[in-house]
């Protein structure tokens, strides 16, 4: 088993502002942590920039050109998102880093991997930057795997604090990509209610689990076991992609959840078990949110050490899932039975 890691100093040169939570310290802490992981079974993968053609499978060409026009400038893009002189190049490399990792996994040079990139991506819509995101890295990777690697069914699991509206929108009518999201609700961006299940041929292939404030490891593990696992077993994906957002960490300044390093380790184990069952262990994680740099680094370590088969953090159930999440799961499953039967 080999775990591929994507990192690059260019990702540090995207700057949104002096006090912006999505800042280079997020990655400097992660990159400083990486040498503490046993290097056996780790392969560092050099990223390449995504081409405009690759981006255009998800984004409008005129939008891509508008981001290219920010090169060398400081440009506000939306109330939360800005471009600095090297943002365009970093954003190309963020999406392209996921593609480089996808290549390595498909070539079996890596079994799984983590793209430690920024800017993040899951809020970016077809023609709009949003929520710190420029290009939708995970969505671009999904379409690349279908167009260039011949994969049929892609599962995207998103455990970021915020709903991935951009990813959902990219595939809302498409049964070839199953999008599963846990997120704090109601919260930015205001989408992701459990009745949002897709449109047209894609009905049933969007699975939203809008969780209340304060959910912890046991609640998240329960949701993954009771919703993600049975749906994935019915879907049988050819590859699993993960929008890995660590703003559900218990000390995150933007979040309201209570997940620990051990919780992230267990969520990773569940995903890897699904990947082993259905897609030759192919699982690609891409960094999304997470704004407590020290906690972010520890949480990423929990994921990587589980990926490489030597977990540093062990999950032990502390309590039953709370009444609210049990009720939520019941509602979600009831909503989905019209598409998936009594799973």
C-alpha atoms as a PDB file:
ATOM      1  CA  UNK A   1       0.000   0.000   0.000  1.00  0.00           C
ATOM      2  CA  UNK A   2       1.291   3.431  -0.967  1.00  0.00           C
ATOM      3  CA  UNK A   3      -0.302   6.740  -0.020  1.00  0.00           C
ATOM      4  CA  UNK A   4       0.321   9.604  -2.420  1.00  0.00           C
ATOM      5  CA  UNK A   5       0.730  13.124  -1.050  1.00  0.00           C
ATOM      6  CA  UNK A   6       0.494  16.292  -3.136  1.00  0.00           C
ATOM      7  CA  UNK A   7       2.183  19.417  -1.766  1.00  0.00           C
ATOM      8  CA  UNK A   8       3.805  22.443  -3.363  1.00  0.00           C
ATOM      9  CA  UNK A   9       5.092  25.850  -2.174  1.00  0.00           C
ATOM     10  CA  UNK A  10       2.978  27.645  -4.781  1.00  0.00           C
ATOM     11  CA  UNK A  11      -0.125  26.834  -2.728  1.00  0.00           C
ATOM     12  CA  UNK A  12       1.227  29.193  -0.061  1.00  0.00           C
ATOM     13  CA  UNK A  13       1.223  32.148  -2.459  1.00  0.00           C
ATOM     14  CA  UNK A  14      -2.539  32.472  -2.677  1.00  0.00           C
ATOM     15  CA  UNK A  15      -3.341  35.253  -0.177  1.00  0.00           C
ATOM     16  CA  UNK A  16      -6.848  36.498   0.606  1.00  0.00           C
ATOM     17  CA  UNK A  17      -5.860  39.092   3.200  1.00  0.00           C
ATOM     18  CA  UNK A  18      -3.916  39.596   6.421  1.00  0.00           C
ATOM     19  CA  UNK A  19      -6.663  38.321   8.720  1.00  0.00           C
ATOM     20  CA  UNK A  20      -8.479  35.955   6.379  1.00  0.00           C
ATOM     21  CA  UNK A  21      -9.087  32.493   7.886  1.00  0.00           C
ATOM     22  CA  UNK A  22      -8.164  30.754   4.614  1.00  0.00           C
ATOM     23  CA  UNK A  23      -4.492  31.686   4.789  1.00  0.00           C
ATOM     24  CA  UNK A  24      -1.125  30.046   4.068  1.00  0.00           C
ATOM     25  CA  UNK A  25      -0.643  29.060   7.732  1.00  0.00           C
ATOM     26  CA  UNK A  26      -3.135  26.285   7.148  1.00  0.00           C
ATOM     27  CA  UNK A  27      -0.680  24.534   4.858  1.00  0.00           C
ATOM     28  CA  UNK A  28       2.548  25.579   6.566  1.00  0.00           C
ATOM     29  CA  UNK A  29       1.356  23.753   9.697  1.00  0.00           C
ATOM     30  CA  UNK A  30       0.385  20.679   7.686  1.00  0.00           C
ATOM     31  CA  UNK A  31       3.630  20.656   5.703  1.00  0.00           C
ATOM     32  CA  UNK A  32       5.663  21.034   8.915  1.00  0.00           C
ATOM     33  CA  UNK A  33       3.783  18.052  10.366  1.00  0.00           C
ATOM     34  CA  UNK A  34       4.418  15.689   7.451  1.00  0.00           C
ATOM     35  CA  UNK A  35       7.999  14.669   8.439  1.00  0.00           C
ATOM     36  CA  UNK A  36       6.598  13.322  11.717  1.00  0.00           C
ATOM     37  CA  UNK A  37       4.830  10.581   9.735  1.00  0.00           C
ATOM     38  CA  UNK A  38       6.909   7.486   8.985  1.00  0.00           C
ATOM     39  CA  UNK A  39       7.955   7.908   5.356  1.00  0.00           C
ATOM     40  CA  UNK A  40       7.523   4.190   4.579  1.00  0.00           C
ATOM     41  CA  UNK A  41       4.548   3.879   2.268  1.00  0.00           C
ATOM     42  CA  UNK A  42       4.428   7.609   1.468  1.00  0.00           C
ATOM     43  CA  UNK A  43       5.009   8.895  -2.055  1.00  0.00           C
ATOM     44  CA  UNK A  44       5.176  12.616  -2.796  1.00  0.00           C
ATOM     45  CA  UNK A  45       3.557  13.442  -6.119  1.00  0.00           C
ATOM     46  CA  UNK A  46       4.449  16.548  -8.095  1.00  0.00           C
ATOM     47  CA  UNK A  47       1.352  18.490  -9.137  1.00  0.00           C
ATOM     48  CA  UNK A  48       0.783  19.992 -12.564  1.00  0.00           C
ATOM     49  CA  UNK A  49      -1.526  22.844 -13.527  1.00  0.00           C
ATOM     50  CA  UNK A  50      -4.968  21.902 -14.789  1.00  0.00           C
ATOM     51  CA  UNK A  51      -5.606  23.008 -18.348  1.00  0.00           C
ATOM     52  CA  UNK A  52      -8.466  25.304 -19.274  1.00  0.00           C
ATOM     53  CA  UNK A  53      -9.984  22.393 -21.188  1.00  0.00           C
ATOM     54  CA  UNK A  54      -9.957  20.231 -18.043  1.00  0.00           C
ATOM     55  CA  UNK A  55     -11.500  23.025 -15.985  1.00  0.00           C
ATOM     56  CA  UNK A  56     -14.161  23.657 -18.620  1.00  0.00           C
ATOM     57  CA  UNK A  57     -15.776  20.294 -17.910  1.00  0.00           C
ATOM     58  CA  UNK A  58     -17.037  22.002 -14.732  1.00  0.00           C
ATOM     59  CA  UNK A  59     -16.578  25.755 -15.250  1.00  0.00           C
ATOM     60  CA  UNK A  60     -17.735  28.186 -17.922  1.00  0.00           C
ATOM     61  CA  UNK A  61     -14.815  29.158 -20.201  1.00  0.00           C
ATOM     62  CA  UNK A  62     -15.549  32.869 -19.739  1.00  0.00           C
ATOM     63  CA  UNK A  63     -15.319  32.408 -15.973  1.00  0.00           C
ATOM     64  CA  UNK A  64     -11.966  30.630 -16.298  1.00  0.00           C
ATOM     65  CA  UNK A  65     -10.675  33.526 -18.386  1.00  0.00           C
ATOM     66  CA  UNK A  66     -11.922  36.022 -15.791  1.00  0.00           C
ATOM     67  CA  UNK A  67      -9.799  34.291 -13.151  1.00  0.00           C
ATOM     68  CA  UNK A  68      -6.839  34.210 -15.535  1.00  0.00           C
ATOM     69  CA  UNK A  69      -7.215  37.984 -15.911  1.00  0.00           C
ATOM     70  CA  UNK A  70      -6.453  38.414 -12.181  1.00  0.00           C
ATOM     71  CA  UNK A  71      -2.890  37.166 -12.691  1.00  0.00           C
ATOM     72  CA  UNK A  72      -0.435  39.586 -11.082  1.00  0.00           C
ATOM     73  CA  UNK A  73      -3.165  41.580  -9.332  1.00  0.00           C
ATOM     74  CA  UNK A  74      -5.122  41.861  -6.115  1.00  0.00           C
ATOM     75  CA  UNK A  75      -8.793  41.509  -7.059  1.00  0.00           C
ATOM     76  CA  UNK A  76     -11.839  41.038  -4.785  1.00  0.00           C
ATOM     77  CA  UNK A  77     -13.968  38.239  -6.223  1.00  0.00           C
ATOM     78  CA  UNK A  78     -16.835  38.021  -3.738  1.00  0.00           C
ATOM     79  CA  UNK A  79     -17.332  39.170  -0.107  1.00  0.00           C
ATOM     80  CA  UNK A  80     -15.344  36.156   1.166  1.00  0.00           C
ATOM     81  CA  UNK A  81     -12.962  35.424  -1.676  1.00  0.00           C
ATOM     82  CA  UNK A  82     -10.134  37.360  -3.278  1.00  0.00           C
ATOM     83  CA  UNK A  83      -7.329  36.894  -5.755  1.00  0.00           C
ATOM     84  CA  UNK A  84      -3.713  37.883  -5.191  1.00  0.00           C
ATOM     85  CA  UNK A  85      -0.952  38.049  -7.830  1.00  0.00           C
ATOM     86  CA  UNK A  86      -0.379  34.263  -7.909  1.00  0.00           C
ATOM     87  CA  UNK A  87      -3.894  33.050  -7.070  1.00  0.00           C
ATOM     88  CA  UNK A  88      -4.670  32.037 -10.647  1.00  0.00           C
ATOM     89  CA  UNK A  89      -1.534  29.886 -10.849  1.00  0.00           C
ATOM     90  CA  UNK A  90      -2.175  28.366  -7.415  1.00  0.00           C
ATOM     91  CA  UNK A  91      -5.781  27.597  -8.329  1.00  0.00           C
ATOM     92  CA  UNK A  92      -4.699  25.866 -11.545  1.00  0.00           C
ATOM     93  CA  UNK A  93      -2.202  23.835  -9.519  1.00  0.00           C
ATOM     94  CA  UNK A  94      -4.803  22.998  -6.858  1.00  0.00           C
ATOM     95  CA  UNK A  95      -7.127  21.455  -9.415  1.00  0.00           C
ATOM     96  CA  UNK A  96      -4.200  19.962 -11.301  1.00  0.00           C
ATOM     97  CA  UNK A  97      -2.742  18.509  -8.110  1.00  0.00           C
ATOM     98  CA  UNK A  98      -5.903  16.438  -7.752  1.00  0.00           C
ATOM     99  CA  UNK A  99      -5.494  15.284 -11.350  1.00  0.00           C
ATOM    100  CA  UNK A 100      -1.852  14.325 -10.776  1.00  0.00           C
ATOM    101  CA  UNK A 101      -2.912  12.308  -7.756  1.00  0.00           C
ATOM    102  CA  UNK A 102      -5.733  10.711  -9.748  1.00  0.00           C
ATOM    103  CA  UNK A 103      -3.197   9.682 -12.394  1.00  0.00           C
ATOM    104  CA  UNK A 104      -0.970   8.058  -9.765  1.00  0.00           C
ATOM    105  CA  UNK A 105      -3.856   6.161  -8.204  1.00  0.00           C
ATOM    106  CA  UNK A 106      -5.198   4.969 -11.547  1.00  0.00           C
ATOM    107  CA  UNK A 107      -1.697   3.851 -12.578  1.00  0.00           C
ATOM    108  CA  UNK A 108      -1.452   1.979  -9.245  1.00  0.00           C
ATOM    109  CA  UNK A 109       1.635   3.938  -8.266  1.00  0.00           C
ATOM    110  CA  UNK A 110      -0.419   4.932  -5.222  1.00  0.00           C
ATOM    111  CA  UNK A 111      -3.263   3.048  -3.590  1.00  0.00           C
ATOM    112  CA  UNK A 112      -4.862   6.185  -2.211  1.00  0.00           C
ATOM    113  CA  UNK A 113      -3.810   9.740  -1.548  1.00  0.00           C
ATOM    114  CA  UNK A 114      -4.344  13.206  -0.156  1.00  0.00           C
ATOM    115  CA  UNK A 115      -4.020  16.418  -2.183  1.00  0.00           C
ATOM    116  CA  UNK A 116      -2.900  19.042   0.345  1.00  0.00           C
ATOM    117  CA  UNK A 117      -3.830  22.021  -1.795  1.00  0.00           C
ATOM    118  CA  UNK A 118      -5.332  25.475  -1.634  1.00  0.00           C
ATOM    119  CA  UNK A 119      -7.392  27.386  -2.564  1.00  0.00           C
ATOM    120  CA  UNK A 120     -10.168  24.941  -1.675  1.00  0.00           C
ATOM    121  CA  UNK A 121     -12.922  24.172  -4.137  1.00  0.00           C
ATOM    122  CA  UNK A 122     -16.297  22.751  -3.173  1.00  0.00           C
ATOM    123  CA  UNK A 123     -18.221  26.064  -3.120  1.00  0.00           C
ATOM    124  CA  UNK A 124     -17.028  27.169  -6.579  1.00  0.00           C
ATOM    125  CA  UNK A 125     -19.905  27.142  -9.047  1.00  0.00           C
ATOM    126  CA  UNK A 126     -19.879  26.941 -12.828  1.00  0.00           C
ATOM    127  CA  UNK A 127     -19.369  30.677 -13.313  1.00  0.00           C
ATOM    128  CA  UNK A 128     -18.800  32.019  -9.808  1.00  0.00           C
ATOM    129  CA  UNK A 129     -16.138  31.928  -7.091  1.00  0.00           C
ATOM    130  CA  UNK A 130     -17.607  31.529  -3.635  1.00  0.00           C
ATOM    131  CA  UNK A 131     -16.719  30.789  -0.037  1.00  0.00           C
ATOM    132  CA  UNK A 132     -12.902  30.961  -0.411  1.00  0.00           C
ATOM    133  CA  UNK A 133     -13.076  28.716  -3.523  1.00  0.00           C
ATOM    134  CA  UNK A 134     -11.907  29.497  -7.074  1.00  0.00           C
ATOM    135  CA  UNK A 135     -12.065  26.249  -9.098  1.00  0.00           C
ATOM    136  CA  UNK A 136     -13.953  23.184  -7.895  1.00  0.00           C
ATOM    137  CA  UNK A 137     -10.998  20.835  -7.479  1.00  0.00           C
ATOM    138  CA  UNK A 138     -12.939  17.695  -6.560  1.00  0.00           C
ATOM    139  CA  UNK A 139     -15.544  18.159  -9.298  1.00  0.00           C
ATOM    140  CA  UNK A 140     -12.838  18.724 -11.914  1.00  0.00           C
ATOM    141  CA  UNK A 141     -11.162  15.503 -10.749  1.00  0.00           C
ATOM    142  CA  UNK A 142     -14.424  13.552 -11.027  1.00  0.00           C
ATOM    143  CA  UNK A 143     -15.015  14.632 -14.623  1.00  0.00           C
ATOM    144  CA  UNK A 144     -11.358  14.000 -15.482  1.00  0.00           C
ATOM    145  CA  UNK A 145     -11.591  10.437 -14.190  1.00  0.00           C
ATOM    146  CA  UNK A 146     -14.663   9.854 -16.316  1.00  0.00           C
ATOM    147  CA  UNK A 147     -13.405  11.567 -19.467  1.00  0.00           C
ATOM    148  CA  UNK A 148      -9.760  10.485 -19.408  1.00  0.00           C
ATOM    149  CA  UNK A 149      -9.709   7.283 -17.341  1.00  0.00           C
ATOM    150  CA  UNK A 150     -13.006   5.729 -18.405  1.00  0.00           C
ATOM    151  CA  UNK A 151     -14.569   5.437 -14.974  1.00  0.00           C
ATOM    152  CA  UNK A 152     -18.339   5.196 -14.877  1.00  0.00           C
ATOM    153  CA  UNK A 153     -19.493   5.833 -11.318  1.00  0.00           C
ATOM    154  CA  UNK A 154     -17.826   8.297  -8.963  1.00  0.00           C
ATOM    155  CA  UNK A 155     -18.766   8.735  -5.300  1.00  0.00           C
ATOM    156  CA  UNK A 156     -17.917  12.099  -3.729  1.00  0.00           C
ATOM    157  CA  UNK A 157     -18.117  12.210   0.067  1.00  0.00           C
ATOM    158  CA  UNK A 158     -17.912  15.682   1.617  1.00  0.00           C
ATOM    159  CA  UNK A 159     -17.538  16.096   5.390  1.00  0.00           C
ATOM    160  CA  UNK A 160     -16.681  19.811   5.419  1.00  0.00           C
ATOM    161  CA  UNK A 161     -18.599  21.968   7.898  1.00  0.00           C
ATOM    162  CA  UNK A 162     -20.209  23.817   4.993  1.00  0.00           C
ATOM    163  CA  UNK A 163     -22.380  22.322   2.290  1.00  0.00           C
ATOM    164  CA  UNK A 164     -20.601  21.912  -1.037  1.00  0.00           C
ATOM    165  CA  UNK A 165     -23.115  23.795  -3.125  1.00  0.00           C
ATOM    166  CA  UNK A 166     -20.767  23.979  -6.109  1.00  0.00           C
ATOM    167  CA  UNK A 167     -20.152  20.242  -6.174  1.00  0.00           C
ATOM    168  CA  UNK A 168     -23.832  19.481  -5.732  1.00  0.00           C
ATOM    169  CA  UNK A 169     -24.729  21.822  -8.568  1.00  0.00           C
ATOM    170  CA  UNK A 170     -22.155  20.280 -10.880  1.00  0.00           C
ATOM    171  CA  UNK A 171     -23.788  16.847 -10.718  1.00  0.00           C
ATOM    172  CA  UNK A 172     -27.364  17.487  -9.584  1.00  0.00           C
ATOM    173  CA  UNK A 173     -28.901  15.898 -12.696  1.00  0.00           C
ATOM    174  CA  UNK A 174     -26.199  13.281 -13.245  1.00  0.00           C
ATOM    175  CA  UNK A 175     -26.492   9.716 -11.900  1.00  0.00           C
ATOM    176  CA  UNK A 176     -22.875   8.985 -12.816  1.00  0.00           C
ATOM    177  CA  UNK A 177     -21.705  10.979  -9.762  1.00  0.00           C
ATOM    178  CA  UNK A 178     -23.188  10.279  -6.336  1.00  0.00           C
ATOM    179  CA  UNK A 179     -22.693  13.270  -4.031  1.00  0.00           C
ATOM    180  CA  UNK A 180     -22.930  12.667  -0.258  1.00  0.00           C
ATOM    181  CA  UNK A 181     -22.551  15.581   2.169  1.00  0.00           C
ATOM    182  CA  UNK A 182     -22.638  16.026   5.919  1.00  0.00           C
ATOM    183  CA  UNK A 183     -22.702  19.685   6.958  1.00  0.00           C
ATOM    184  CA  UNK A 184     -23.830  22.058   9.684  1.00  0.00           C
ATOM    185  CA  UNK A 185     -27.294  23.366   8.890  1.00  0.00           C
ATOM    186  CA  UNK A 186     -28.537  26.048   8.780  1.00  0.00           C
ATOM    187  CA  UNK A 187     -25.209  27.644   8.019  1.00  0.00           C
ATOM    188  CA  UNK A 188     -23.299  29.054   5.058  1.00  0.00           C
ATOM    189  CA  UNK A 189     -24.150  28.741   2.182  1.00  0.00           C
ATOM    190  CA  UNK A 190     -27.721  27.839   3.190  1.00  0.00           C
ATOM    191  CA  UNK A 191     -28.120  24.873   0.867  1.00  0.00           C
ATOM    192  CA  UNK A 192     -28.114  21.139   1.541  1.00  0.00           C
ATOM    193  CA  UNK A 193     -31.465  20.246   3.091  1.00  0.00           C
ATOM    194  CA  UNK A 194     -32.156  16.504   2.993  1.00  0.00           C
ATOM    195  CA  UNK A 195     -34.973  16.959   0.489  1.00  0.00           C
ATOM    196  CA  UNK A 196     -32.393  18.178  -2.056  1.00  0.00           C
ATOM    197  CA  UNK A 197     -31.854  14.792  -3.692  1.00  0.00           C
ATOM    198  CA  UNK A 198     -31.176  15.616  -7.349  1.00  0.00           C
ATOM    199  CA  UNK A 199     -33.136  16.397 -10.482  1.00  0.00           C
ATOM    200  CA  UNK A 200     -34.118  14.510 -13.628  1.00  0.00           C
ATOM    201  CA  UNK A 201     -31.990  11.415 -14.147  1.00  0.00           C
ATOM    202  CA  UNK A 202     -29.992  12.445 -11.081  1.00  0.00           C
ATOM    203  CA  UNK A 203     -32.848  12.054  -8.604  1.00  0.00           C
ATOM    204  CA  UNK A 204     -31.584  10.112  -5.607  1.00  0.00           C
ATOM    205  CA  UNK A 205     -27.927  10.678  -6.434  1.00  0.00           C
ATOM    206  CA  UNK A 206     -27.532  13.694  -4.152  1.00  0.00           C
ATOM    207  CA  UNK A 207     -27.554  12.714  -0.477  1.00  0.00           C
ATOM    208  CA  UNK A 208     -27.580  15.539   2.064  1.00  0.00           C
ATOM    209  CA  UNK A 209     -27.352  15.061   5.812  1.00  0.00           C
ATOM    210  CA  UNK A 210     -27.915  18.536   7.340  1.00  0.00           C
ATOM    211  CA  UNK A 211     -26.589  18.189  10.891  1.00  0.00           C
ATOM    212  CA  UNK A 212     -27.276  20.384  13.892  1.00  0.00           C
ATOM    213  CA  UNK A 213     -24.760  22.267  16.008  1.00  0.00           C
ATOM    214  CA  UNK A 214     -22.396  20.340  18.283  1.00  0.00           C
ATOM    215  CA  UNK A 215     -22.307  16.898  16.669  1.00  0.00           C
ATOM    216  CA  UNK A 216     -19.335  14.787  17.738  1.00  0.00           C
ATOM    217  CA  UNK A 217     -17.362  11.726  16.625  1.00  0.00           C
ATOM    218  CA  UNK A 218     -20.115   9.277  17.547  1.00  0.00           C
ATOM    219  CA  UNK A 219     -22.756  11.248  15.649  1.00  0.00           C
ATOM    220  CA  UNK A 220     -20.657  11.487  12.483  1.00  0.00           C
ATOM    221  CA  UNK A 221     -19.669   7.818  12.595  1.00  0.00           C
ATOM    222  CA  UNK A 222     -23.351   6.902  12.996  1.00  0.00           C
ATOM    223  CA  UNK A 223     -24.296   8.956   9.919  1.00  0.00           C
ATOM    224  CA  UNK A 224     -21.527   7.416   7.820  1.00  0.00           C
ATOM    225  CA  UNK A 225     -22.477   3.910   8.910  1.00  0.00           C
ATOM    226  CA  UNK A 226     -26.229   4.350   8.521  1.00  0.00           C
ATOM    227  CA  UNK A 227     -26.382   6.480   5.360  1.00  0.00           C
ATOM    228  CA  UNK A 228     -23.110   6.551   3.418  1.00  0.00           C
ATOM    229  CA  UNK A 229     -22.213   2.860   3.714  1.00  0.00           C
ATOM    230  CA  UNK A 230     -25.532   1.340   2.587  1.00  0.00           C
ATOM    231  CA  UNK A 231     -25.951   3.844  -0.257  1.00  0.00           C
ATOM    232  CA  UNK A 232     -22.373   3.271  -1.439  1.00  0.00           C
ATOM    233  CA  UNK A 233     -22.888  -0.490  -1.302  1.00  0.00           C
ATOM    234  CA  UNK A 234     -25.872  -0.125  -3.611  1.00  0.00           C
ATOM    235  CA  UNK A 235     -24.085   2.347  -5.898  1.00  0.00           C
ATOM    236  CA  UNK A 236     -20.812   0.380  -6.166  1.00  0.00           C
ATOM    237  CA  UNK A 237     -18.501   3.258  -7.158  1.00  0.00           C
ATOM    238  CA  UNK A 238     -15.501   2.913  -9.433  1.00  0.00           C
ATOM    239  CA  UNK A 239     -13.611   5.432  -7.281  1.00  0.00           C
ATOM    240  CA  UNK A 240     -14.237   7.465  -4.143  1.00  0.00           C
ATOM    241  CA  UNK A 241     -13.294  11.139  -3.877  1.00  0.00           C
ATOM    242  CA  UNK A 242     -13.453  12.993  -0.573  1.00  0.00           C
ATOM    243  CA  UNK A 243     -13.843  16.709   0.048  1.00  0.00           C
ATOM    244  CA  UNK A 244     -11.987  16.686   3.351  1.00  0.00           C
ATOM    245  CA  UNK A 245     -12.974  19.741   5.356  1.00  0.00           C
ATOM    246  CA  UNK A 246     -11.623  19.916   8.899  1.00  0.00           C
ATOM    247  CA  UNK A 247     -13.726  22.854  10.095  1.00  0.00           C
ATOM    248  CA  UNK A 248     -15.859  20.275  11.949  1.00  0.00           C
ATOM    249  CA  UNK A 249     -12.880  19.963  14.330  1.00  0.00           C
ATOM    250  CA  UNK A 250     -13.863  20.733  17.919  1.00  0.00           C
ATOM    251  CA  UNK A 251     -11.625  23.822  18.196  1.00  0.00           C
ATOM    252  CA  UNK A 252     -12.254  25.311  14.757  1.00  0.00           C
ATOM    253  CA  UNK A 253     -12.984  29.067  14.993  1.00  0.00           C
ATOM    254  CA  UNK A 254     -15.567  28.991  12.191  1.00  0.00           C
ATOM    255  CA  UNK A 255     -17.257  25.764  13.190  1.00  0.00           C
ATOM    256  CA  UNK A 256     -19.753  24.494  15.677  1.00  0.00           C
ATOM    257  CA  UNK A 257     -18.991  20.774  15.646  1.00  0.00           C
ATOM    258  CA  UNK A 258     -17.010  18.586  18.047  1.00  0.00           C
ATOM    259  CA  UNK A 259     -15.078  16.083  15.923  1.00  0.00           C
ATOM    260  CA  UNK A 260     -11.642  14.988  17.156  1.00  0.00           C
ATOM    261  CA  UNK A 261      -8.596  13.520  15.465  1.00  0.00           C
ATOM    262  CA  UNK A 262      -9.916  10.061  16.364  1.00  0.00           C
ATOM    263  CA  UNK A 263     -13.197  10.847  14.660  1.00  0.00           C
ATOM    264  CA  UNK A 264     -11.440  11.841  11.454  1.00  0.00           C
ATOM    265  CA  UNK A 265      -9.432   8.629  11.621  1.00  0.00           C
ATOM    266  CA  UNK A 266     -12.617   6.558  11.866  1.00  0.00           C
ATOM    267  CA  UNK A 267     -14.411   8.412   9.073  1.00  0.00           C
ATOM    268  CA  UNK A 268     -11.363   7.721   6.909  1.00  0.00           C
ATOM    269  CA  UNK A 269     -11.455   4.041   7.840  1.00  0.00           C
ATOM    270  CA  UNK A 270     -15.094   3.810   6.764  1.00  0.00           C
ATOM    271  CA  UNK A 271     -14.297   5.398   3.396  1.00  0.00           C
ATOM    272  CA  UNK A 272     -11.264   3.175   2.868  1.00  0.00           C
ATOM    273  CA  UNK A 273     -13.300   0.060   3.686  1.00  0.00           C
ATOM    274  CA  UNK A 274     -15.817   1.077   1.013  1.00  0.00           C
ATOM    275  CA  UNK A 275     -13.006   1.702  -1.456  1.00  0.00           C
ATOM    276  CA  UNK A 276     -11.498  -1.715  -0.707  1.00  0.00           C
ATOM    277  CA  UNK A 277     -14.886  -3.350  -1.234  1.00  0.00           C
ATOM    278  CA  UNK A 278     -15.838  -1.705  -4.517  1.00  0.00           C
ATOM    279  CA  UNK A 279     -12.985   0.063  -6.300  1.00  0.00           C
ATOM    280  CA  UNK A 280      -9.637  -1.631  -5.696  1.00  0.00           C
ATOM    281  CA  UNK A 281      -9.000   0.674  -2.704  1.00  0.00           C
ATOM    282  CA  UNK A 282      -8.949   3.792  -4.913  1.00  0.00           C
ATOM    283  CA  UNK A 283      -9.668   6.811  -2.686  1.00  0.00           C
ATOM    284  CA  UNK A 284      -8.583  10.402  -3.283  1.00  0.00           C
ATOM    285  CA  UNK A 285      -8.901  13.033  -0.562  1.00  0.00           C
ATOM    286  CA  UNK A 286      -8.631  16.765  -1.313  1.00  0.00           C
ATOM    287  CA  UNK A 287      -8.283  19.456   1.337  1.00  0.00           C
ATOM    288  CA  UNK A 288     -11.216  21.817   1.775  1.00  0.00           C
ATOM    289  CA  UNK A 289     -11.759  23.822   4.993  1.00  0.00           C
ATOM    290  CA  UNK A 290     -10.220  23.795   8.461  1.00  0.00           C
ATOM    291  CA  UNK A 291      -9.144  27.011  10.154  1.00  0.00           C
ATOM    292  CA  UNK A 292      -7.385  26.043  13.386  1.00  0.00           C
ATOM    293  CA  UNK A 293      -3.927  25.426  11.889  1.00  0.00           C
ATOM    294  CA  UNK A 294      -2.593  23.238  14.693  1.00  0.00           C
ATOM    295  CA  UNK A 295      -5.757  21.164  14.934  1.00  0.00           C
ATOM    296  CA  UNK A 296      -5.900  20.976  11.158  1.00  0.00           C
ATOM    297  CA  UNK A 297      -2.392  19.518  10.998  1.00  0.00           C
ATOM    298  CA  UNK A 298      -3.200  16.897  13.638  1.00  0.00           C
ATOM    299  CA  UNK A 299      -6.439  15.979  11.888  1.00  0.00           C
ATOM    300  CA  UNK A 300      -4.713  15.598   8.532  1.00  0.00           C
ATOM    301  CA  UNK A 301      -2.159  13.393  10.264  1.00  0.00           C
ATOM    302  CA  UNK A 302      -5.005  11.223  11.531  1.00  0.00           C
ATOM    303  CA  UNK A 303      -6.267  10.781   7.973  1.00  0.00           C
ATOM    304  CA  UNK A 304      -2.884  10.078   6.392  1.00  0.00           C
ATOM    305  CA  UNK A 305      -1.759   7.591   9.028  1.00  0.00           C
ATOM    306  CA  UNK A 306      -5.041   5.701   8.606  1.00  0.00           C
ATOM    307  CA  UNK A 307      -4.575   5.794   4.826  1.00  0.00           C
ATOM    308  CA  UNK A 308      -1.121   4.242   5.075  1.00  0.00           C
ATOM    309  CA  UNK A 309      -2.320   1.528   7.443  1.00  0.00           C
ATOM    310  CA  UNK A 310      -0.641   2.721  10.643  1.00  0.00           C
ATOM    311  CA  UNK A 311      -3.276   4.869  12.379  1.00  0.00           C
ATOM    312  CA  UNK A 312      -1.983   7.189  15.072  1.00  0.00           C
ATOM    313  CA  UNK A 313      -5.437   7.916  16.509  1.00  0.00           C
ATOM    314  CA  UNK A 314      -7.945   5.251  17.533  1.00  0.00           C
ATOM    315  CA  UNK A 315     -11.686   5.814  17.687  1.00  0.00           C
ATOM    316  CA  UNK A 316     -13.575   4.491  20.679  1.00  0.00           C
ATOM    317  CA  UNK A 317     -17.290   5.082  20.929  1.00  0.00           C
ATOM    318  CA  UNK A 318     -18.084   7.242  23.952  1.00  0.00           C
ATOM    319  CA  UNK A 319     -21.867   7.380  23.789  1.00  0.00           C
ATOM    320  CA  UNK A 320     -24.863   6.543  21.651  1.00  0.00           C
ATOM    321  CA  UNK A 321     -25.588   8.964  18.804  1.00  0.00           C
ATOM    322  CA  UNK A 322     -27.699  11.856  20.029  1.00  0.00           C
ATOM    323  CA  UNK A 323     -31.467  11.848  19.609  1.00  0.00           C
ATOM    324  CA  UNK A 324     -31.323  14.636  17.020  1.00  0.00           C
ATOM    325  CA  UNK A 325     -28.991  12.760  14.690  1.00  0.00           C
ATOM    326  CA  UNK A 326     -30.943   9.526  15.054  1.00  0.00           C
ATOM    327  CA  UNK A 327     -34.082  11.374  13.997  1.00  0.00           C
ATOM    328  CA  UNK A 328     -32.242  13.073  11.140  1.00  0.00           C
ATOM    329  CA  UNK A 329     -30.940   9.772   9.800  1.00  0.00           C
ATOM    330  CA  UNK A 330     -34.453   8.363   9.925  1.00  0.00           C
ATOM    331  CA  UNK A 331     -35.735  11.314   7.875  1.00  0.00           C
ATOM    332  CA  UNK A 332     -32.883  11.075   5.368  1.00  0.00           C
ATOM    333  CA  UNK A 333     -33.363   7.354   4.861  1.00  0.00           C
ATOM    334  CA  UNK A 334     -37.122   7.783   4.449  1.00  0.00           C
ATOM    335  CA  UNK A 335     -36.547  10.464   1.801  1.00  0.00           C
ATOM    336  CA  UNK A 336     -34.140   8.218  -0.094  1.00  0.00           C
ATOM    337  CA  UNK A 337     -36.236   5.028  -0.033  1.00  0.00           C
ATOM    338  CA  UNK A 338     -38.184   6.211  -3.073  1.00  0.00           C
ATOM    339  CA  UNK A 339     -34.937   5.966  -5.047  1.00  0.00           C
ATOM    340  CA  UNK A 340     -32.963   3.242  -3.267  1.00  0.00           C
ATOM    341  CA  UNK A 341     -35.656   1.109  -1.662  1.00  0.00           C
ATOM    342  CA  UNK A 342     -35.453  -0.011   1.947  1.00  0.00           C
ATOM    343  CA  UNK A 343     -31.667   0.070   2.154  1.00  0.00           C
END
